[in-house]
Protein backbone atom coordinates (compact mmCIF):
# COMPACT_ATOMS: atom_id res chain seq x y z
CA UNK A 1 -30.09 -23.74 63.90
CA UNK A 2 -33.07 -21.41 63.73
CA UNK A 3 -33.05 -20.64 60.05
CA UNK A 4 -34.48 -17.90 57.76
CA UNK A 5 -34.62 -18.46 54.10
CA UNK A 6 -34.89 -15.21 52.07
CA UNK A 7 -36.64 -16.05 48.74
CA UNK A 8 -39.39 -18.54 48.29
CA UNK A 9 -38.75 -19.21 44.69
CA UNK A 10 -37.73 -22.56 43.23
CA UNK A 11 -34.34 -22.82 44.94
CA UNK A 12 -35.39 -21.36 48.28
CA UNK A 13 -38.38 -23.55 48.38
CA UNK A 14 -36.32 -26.60 47.44
CA UNK A 15 -33.93 -25.91 50.36
CA UNK A 16 -36.79 -25.46 52.74
CA UNK A 17 -38.37 -28.71 51.78
CA UNK A 18 -35.00 -30.63 51.94
CA UNK A 19 -34.23 -29.26 55.35
CA UNK A 20 -37.62 -30.39 56.75
CA UNK A 21 -37.85 -33.79 54.86
CA UNK A 22 -34.53 -34.71 56.17
CA UNK A 23 -35.60 -33.81 59.70
CA UNK A 24 -32.44 -31.73 60.15
CA UNK A 25 -34.69 -28.82 60.95
CA UNK A 26 -38.04 -28.76 62.73
CA UNK A 27 -40.88 -26.76 61.19
CA UNK A 28 -40.89 -24.30 64.05
CA UNK A 29 -37.19 -23.63 63.36
CA UNK A 30 -37.68 -22.58 59.83
CA UNK A 31 -38.92 -19.10 58.61
CA UNK A 32 -39.30 -18.01 55.05
CA UNK A 33 -39.26 -14.29 53.95
CA UNK A 34 -40.89 -13.84 50.45
CA UNK A 35 -42.34 -10.58 49.17
CA UNK A 36 -44.10 -12.01 46.18
CA UNK A 37 -47.74 -12.69 47.18
CA UNK A 38 -48.23 -15.54 44.76
CA UNK A 39 -45.10 -17.31 46.09
CA UNK A 40 -46.25 -16.72 49.78
CA UNK A 41 -49.59 -18.33 48.93
CA UNK A 42 -47.84 -21.36 47.42
CA UNK A 43 -45.51 -21.78 50.36
CA UNK A 44 -48.42 -21.60 52.80
CA UNK A 45 -50.39 -24.22 50.83
CA UNK A 46 -47.34 -26.39 51.06
CA UNK A 47 -47.64 -26.23 54.82
CA UNK A 48 -44.74 -24.01 55.88
CA UNK A 49 -45.85 -22.46 59.14
CA UNK A 50 -43.89 -19.24 59.22
CA UNK A 51 -44.04 -17.21 55.95
CA UNK A 52 -43.33 -13.50 56.21
CA UNK A 53 -43.67 -10.83 53.58
CA UNK A 54 -41.59 -8.15 55.44
CA UNK A 55 -38.32 -8.21 57.47
CA UNK A 56 -38.80 -7.39 61.12
CA UNK A 57 -37.32 -7.89 64.54
CA UNK A 58 -38.16 -11.61 64.46
CA UNK A 59 -34.92 -11.97 62.45
CA UNK A 60 -32.83 -11.05 65.60
CA UNK A 61 -33.70 -14.35 67.21
CA UNK A 62 -32.59 -16.54 64.35
CA UNK A 63 -29.25 -18.27 63.85
CA UNK A 64 -28.78 -18.79 60.17
CA UNK A 65 -29.89 -16.51 57.27
CA UNK A 66 -30.11 -18.25 53.83
CA UNK A 67 -29.90 -15.72 51.04
CA UNK A 68 -31.76 -17.45 48.08
CA UNK A 69 -32.30 -14.31 46.04
CA UNK A 70 -31.04 -13.15 42.54
CA UNK A 71 -27.62 -11.55 42.65
CA UNK A 72 -29.07 -8.32 41.10
CA UNK A 73 -31.41 -8.14 44.15
CA UNK A 74 -28.57 -8.43 46.68
CA UNK A 75 -27.98 -4.71 47.43
CA UNK A 76 -31.78 -4.20 48.28
CA UNK A 77 -31.79 -7.25 50.43
CA UNK A 78 -28.68 -6.13 52.23
CA UNK A 79 -30.34 -2.79 53.17
CA UNK A 80 -33.50 -4.53 54.34
CA UNK A 81 -31.69 -7.01 56.51
CA UNK A 82 -28.87 -4.99 57.93
CA UNK A 83 -30.85 -3.28 60.78
CA UNK A 84 -31.75 -6.80 62.24
CA UNK A 85 -28.59 -8.56 62.21
CA UNK A 86 -25.83 -8.95 64.81
CA UNK A 87 -22.34 -10.52 65.03
CA UNK A 88 -23.58 -13.92 66.01
CA UNK A 89 -25.79 -14.40 62.86
CA UNK A 90 -24.38 -16.73 60.17
CA UNK A 91 -25.21 -16.02 56.55
CA UNK A 92 -25.33 -18.62 53.77
CA UNK A 93 -25.56 -17.19 50.34
CA UNK A 94 -26.47 -19.03 47.29
CA UNK A 95 -26.28 -15.85 45.12
CA UNK A 96 -24.19 -16.69 42.03
CA UNK A 97 -21.12 -14.52 41.72
CA UNK A 98 -21.56 -12.42 44.92
CA UNK A 99 -18.27 -12.57 46.84
CA UNK A 100 -17.75 -13.04 50.61
CA UNK A 101 -16.37 -9.58 50.87
CA UNK A 102 -19.34 -8.11 49.21
CA UNK A 103 -21.83 -9.76 51.44
CA UNK A 104 -19.71 -8.85 54.60
CA UNK A 105 -19.66 -5.25 53.57
CA UNK A 106 -23.36 -5.04 52.58
CA UNK A 107 -24.55 -6.76 55.76
CA UNK A 108 -21.90 -5.47 58.22
CA UNK A 109 -21.38 -8.84 59.77
CA UNK A 110 -18.43 -11.39 59.69
CA UNK A 111 -19.78 -14.87 59.54
CA UNK A 112 -20.40 -15.51 55.82
CA UNK A 113 -20.70 -18.74 53.91
CA UNK A 114 -20.80 -18.66 50.14
CA UNK A 115 -22.20 -21.55 48.21
CA UNK A 116 -23.01 -22.56 44.59
CA UNK A 117 -25.71 -25.24 44.35
CA UNK A 118 -27.07 -26.52 40.94
CA UNK A 119 -30.47 -27.28 39.46
CA UNK A 120 -30.67 -30.94 40.65
CA UNK A 121 -30.62 -29.60 44.33
CA UNK A 122 -34.40 -29.18 43.71
CA UNK A 123 -34.77 -33.03 43.86
CA UNK A 124 -32.13 -33.80 46.42
CA UNK A 125 -29.57 -34.71 43.76
CA UNK A 126 -27.60 -31.56 43.62
CA UNK A 127 -23.94 -30.66 43.71
CA UNK A 128 -23.00 -27.73 46.03
CA UNK A 129 -19.52 -26.04 46.35
CA UNK A 130 -19.15 -23.80 49.34
CA UNK A 131 -16.69 -21.70 51.17
CA UNK A 132 -16.59 -19.52 54.33
CA UNK A 133 -14.50 -16.79 55.82
CA UNK A 134 -12.43 -17.29 58.90
CA UNK A 135 -15.01 -16.05 61.44
CA UNK A 136 -17.28 -18.98 60.75
CA UNK A 137 -16.65 -21.64 63.38
CA UNK A 138 -15.98 -25.29 62.64
CA UNK A 139 -19.27 -26.23 64.46
CA UNK A 140 -21.24 -23.69 62.40
CA UNK A 141 -19.62 -24.88 59.21
CA UNK A 142 -20.50 -28.43 59.95
CA UNK A 143 -24.13 -27.49 60.74
CA UNK A 144 -24.41 -25.68 57.40
CA UNK A 145 -22.70 -28.58 55.48
CA UNK A 146 -25.26 -30.93 57.00
CA UNK A 147 -28.01 -28.60 55.79
CA UNK A 148 -26.48 -28.41 52.29
CA UNK A 149 -26.12 -32.24 52.43
CA UNK A 150 -29.94 -32.64 52.42
CA UNK A 151 -29.99 -31.23 48.76
CA UNK A 152 -27.38 -33.73 47.46
CA UNK A 153 -23.60 -33.68 47.75
CA UNK A 154 -21.62 -30.75 49.20
CA UNK A 155 -17.82 -30.01 48.90
CA UNK A 156 -15.90 -27.32 50.83
CA UNK A 157 -13.06 -25.19 49.26
CA UNK A 158 -10.60 -22.99 51.26
CA UNK A 159 -10.13 -20.96 48.02
CA UNK A 160 -13.06 -18.76 47.12
CA UNK A 161 -11.99 -18.70 43.46
CA UNK A 162 -12.92 -22.33 43.44
CA UNK A 163 -16.57 -21.31 43.82
CA UNK A 164 -16.44 -19.49 40.38
CA UNK A 165 -14.76 -22.64 38.92
CA UNK A 166 -17.49 -24.87 40.37
CA UNK A 167 -20.12 -22.39 38.89
CA UNK A 168 -18.73 -23.31 35.50
CA UNK A 169 -18.50 -27.09 36.05
CA UNK A 170 -21.35 -28.05 38.31
CA UNK A 171 -23.53 -24.94 38.46
CA UNK A 172 -23.82 -24.56 34.71
CA UNK A 173 -23.09 -28.19 34.05
CA UNK A 174 -26.85 -29.29 33.91
CA UNK A 175 -27.30 -27.09 30.83
CA UNK A 176 -24.32 -28.66 29.10
CA UNK A 177 -25.61 -32.18 29.82
CA UNK A 178 -29.07 -31.16 28.33
CA UNK A 179 -27.33 -29.53 25.38
CA UNK A 180 -25.58 -32.91 24.54
CA UNK A 181 -28.82 -34.83 25.13
CA UNK A 182 -30.74 -32.45 22.84
CA UNK A 183 -28.20 -32.99 20.08
CA UNK A 184 -28.64 -36.70 20.43
CA UNK A 185 -32.45 -36.44 20.32
CA UNK A 186 -32.22 -34.35 17.15
CA UNK A 187 -29.95 -36.98 15.57
CA UNK A 188 -32.27 -39.69 16.57
CA UNK A 189 -35.19 -37.81 14.96
CA UNK A 190 -33.27 -37.51 11.76
CA UNK A 191 -32.70 -41.26 11.78
CA UNK A 192 -36.55 -41.81 11.72
CA UNK A 193 -37.47 -42.23 15.41
CA UNK A 194 -40.57 -40.45 16.74
CA UNK A 195 -40.20 -37.81 19.31
CA UNK A 196 -41.21 -40.03 22.24
CA UNK A 197 -38.90 -42.77 21.06
CA UNK A 198 -35.95 -40.50 20.56
CA UNK A 199 -36.61 -39.02 24.16
CA UNK A 200 -36.79 -42.41 25.64
CA UNK A 201 -33.64 -43.82 23.81
CA UNK A 202 -31.54 -40.81 24.96
CA UNK A 203 -32.89 -40.20 28.47
CA UNK A 204 -32.54 -43.81 29.47
CA UNK A 205 -29.04 -43.96 27.90
CA UNK A 206 -27.89 -41.11 30.11
CA UNK A 207 -29.60 -42.42 33.20
CA UNK A 208 -28.28 -45.91 32.80
CA UNK A 209 -24.74 -44.65 32.06
CA UNK A 210 -24.60 -42.46 35.17
CA UNK A 211 -25.91 -45.47 37.33
CA UNK A 212 -23.33 -47.84 35.89
CA UNK A 213 -20.59 -45.26 36.54
CA UNK A 214 -21.73 -45.05 40.09
CA UNK A 215 -21.58 -48.73 40.71
CA UNK A 216 -18.00 -49.15 39.33
CA UNK A 217 -14.60 -47.46 39.74
CA UNK A 218 -13.74 -47.26 35.96
CA UNK A 219 -12.67 -43.88 34.51
CA UNK A 220 -14.65 -42.27 31.53
CA UNK A 221 -11.87 -43.26 29.23
CA UNK A 222 -12.08 -46.88 30.31
CA UNK A 223 -15.85 -46.91 29.78
CA UNK A 224 -15.36 -45.35 26.21
CA UNK A 225 -12.94 -48.15 25.48
CA UNK A 226 -15.31 -50.77 26.59
CA UNK A 227 -18.02 -49.48 24.31
CA UNK A 228 -15.88 -48.52 21.26
CA UNK A 229 -14.71 -51.68 19.57
CA UNK A 230 -12.15 -51.23 16.76
CA UNK A 231 -13.77 -50.45 13.45
CA UNK A 232 -17.20 -50.31 15.10
CA UNK A 233 -20.02 -47.76 15.14
CA UNK A 234 -18.99 -45.96 18.35
CA UNK A 235 -15.46 -45.54 16.87
CA UNK A 236 -16.91 -43.94 13.74
CA UNK A 237 -18.79 -41.35 15.76
CA UNK A 238 -15.72 -40.68 18.08
CA UNK A 239 -13.51 -39.95 14.99
CA UNK A 240 -16.10 -37.32 13.83
CA UNK A 241 -16.05 -35.83 17.40
CA UNK A 242 -12.22 -35.72 17.34
CA UNK A 243 -12.16 -34.24 13.81
CA UNK A 244 -14.53 -31.45 14.99
CA UNK A 245 -12.39 -30.95 18.11
CA UNK A 246 -15.56 -31.40 20.23
CA UNK A 247 -13.62 -32.13 23.44
CA UNK A 248 -11.60 -28.95 23.10
CA UNK A 249 -14.77 -27.05 22.38
CA UNK A 250 -16.30 -28.32 25.68
CA UNK A 251 -13.15 -27.51 27.56
CA UNK A 252 -13.10 -23.97 26.13
CA UNK A 253 -16.78 -23.52 26.94
CA UNK A 254 -16.26 -24.41 30.56
CA UNK A 255 -13.27 -22.02 30.76
CA UNK A 256 -15.47 -19.18 29.25
CA UNK A 257 -18.08 -19.94 31.85
CA UNK A 258 -15.40 -19.74 34.65
CA UNK A 259 -14.09 -16.45 33.27
CA UNK A 260 -17.68 -15.04 33.20
CA UNK A 261 -18.30 -16.14 36.77
CA UNK A 262 -15.22 -14.30 37.88
CA UNK A 263 -16.25 -11.28 35.90
CA UNK A 264 -19.74 -11.25 37.50
CA UNK A 265 -18.07 -11.37 40.94
CA UNK A 266 -15.98 -8.36 40.27
CA UNK A 267 -19.04 -6.46 39.15
CA UNK A 268 -20.72 -7.03 42.59
CA UNK A 269 -17.78 -5.68 44.58
């Protein structure tokens, strides 16, 4: 698919690099539209051959438009794009909280795919949830899924509300992981470790735990049971977590993130 990425910031640039590095797009099939001069220069230095600062009739010859802009910029981008779009264009949005109906109304076209990637997509380890309206063909959906797959894993949902739920779990999720890691690092520092030692102890623990999980079929509860022997150190910590209702707090936090994602979506209608 001849593809235009609107927005050459971190996420747009990561998508562009992933598409090319996976050889799912050829360099001459990829165009980037970025108004910021500094970002344009950075993109050109990276070797992207077609970087434009203004929308123009070249957009009419493209197949897929990837909207990698901030949600608050969506209305302005809609107005800029609309004159150059036709009913055959497919639009892939990675704008958080902007609903399919809002994009369809703003652009005046029917083939819309909405997705929610997360931060690790920048290194090809992302988790992206996506959905589409009925006008997107199965072939087009598979083509876009293949593109999203270059940034990590991608999962399709029929129900658009699940994109808001995924925003809470996988979209915001990296921040929650870093929050827990940061708390462990602070605890390690209080125990007397230097900052580099604390960082290494926690980072490698997380990396090793994830790789171990990936190589086995045990549940999180089963892994906890393997580490937490009766009367041991792990059990002592888990008792404190349970006393402070840490698990309930995490669940409530994700539910709050879900509610906020849905609220933001209503505000863009």
